[in-house]
Protein backbone atom coordinates (compact mmCIF):
# COMPACT_ATOMS: atom_id res chain seq x y z
CA MET A 1 -34.91 10.53 5.70
CA LYS A 2 -34.03 14.07 6.80
CA LEU A 3 -31.49 12.65 9.22
CA LYS A 4 -29.75 10.75 6.42
CA ILE A 5 -29.61 13.87 4.26
CA THR A 6 -28.19 15.85 7.17
CA TYR A 7 -25.47 13.22 7.72
CA CYS A 8 -24.65 13.29 4.02
CA PHE A 9 -24.21 17.07 4.09
CA ILE A 10 -22.00 16.85 7.16
CA LEU A 11 -19.87 14.16 5.53
CA ILE A 12 -19.51 16.16 2.33
CA ALA A 13 -18.60 19.31 4.25
CA ALA A 14 -16.00 17.48 6.32
CA THR A 15 -14.28 16.02 3.26
CA ALA A 16 -14.61 19.06 1.02
CA PHE A 17 -12.79 21.41 3.40
CA PRO A 18 -9.91 19.48 4.96
CA GLN A 19 -7.50 21.30 7.23
CA GLU A 20 -4.59 23.00 5.58
CA LYS A 21 -1.36 21.11 6.12
CA ASP A 22 1.14 23.03 8.21
CA GLN A 23 4.04 23.75 5.86
CA TRP A 24 5.87 26.22 8.09
CA LEU A 25 6.75 23.89 10.96
CA PRO A 26 8.99 21.58 8.87
CA LYS A 27 10.63 24.66 7.34
CA GLY A 28 11.30 25.97 10.83
CA ASN A 29 12.76 22.65 11.90
CA SER A 30 15.01 22.60 8.86
CA ALA A 31 16.21 26.14 9.51
CA PHE A 32 16.84 25.28 13.17
CA ASN A 33 18.91 22.24 12.18
CA ASP A 34 20.93 24.48 9.85
CA LYS A 35 21.51 26.82 12.84
CA ASP A 36 19.56 29.62 11.12
CA TYR A 37 17.75 30.53 14.32
CA ILE A 38 16.24 33.81 13.11
CA SER A 39 14.56 32.15 10.14
CA ALA A 40 13.49 29.22 12.31
CA GLU A 41 11.83 31.56 14.79
CA ALA A 42 9.99 33.33 11.97
CA GLN A 43 8.73 30.02 10.58
CA TYR A 44 7.60 28.87 14.02
CA ARG A 45 5.72 32.11 14.59
CA ILE A 46 3.97 31.82 11.22
CA SER A 47 3.12 28.20 11.99
CA GLY A 48 1.64 29.17 15.34
CA SER A 49 -0.47 31.93 13.88
CA LYS A 50 -1.80 29.83 10.98
CA THR A 51 -2.58 26.69 12.96
CA PRO A 52 -3.59 27.63 16.52
CA TYR A 53 -4.20 24.10 17.86
């Protein structure tokens, strides 16, 4: 019984706190495509610091 409760808590925790979607990478790609390299670099750096995977 304790094992089932533990699994339930793990499942709830995993679904309650999903990873934040990286919003800076697509912005950086868009800026790069528009040849705004300074803004693209800034967005890539923010993306790298927020999502270090």
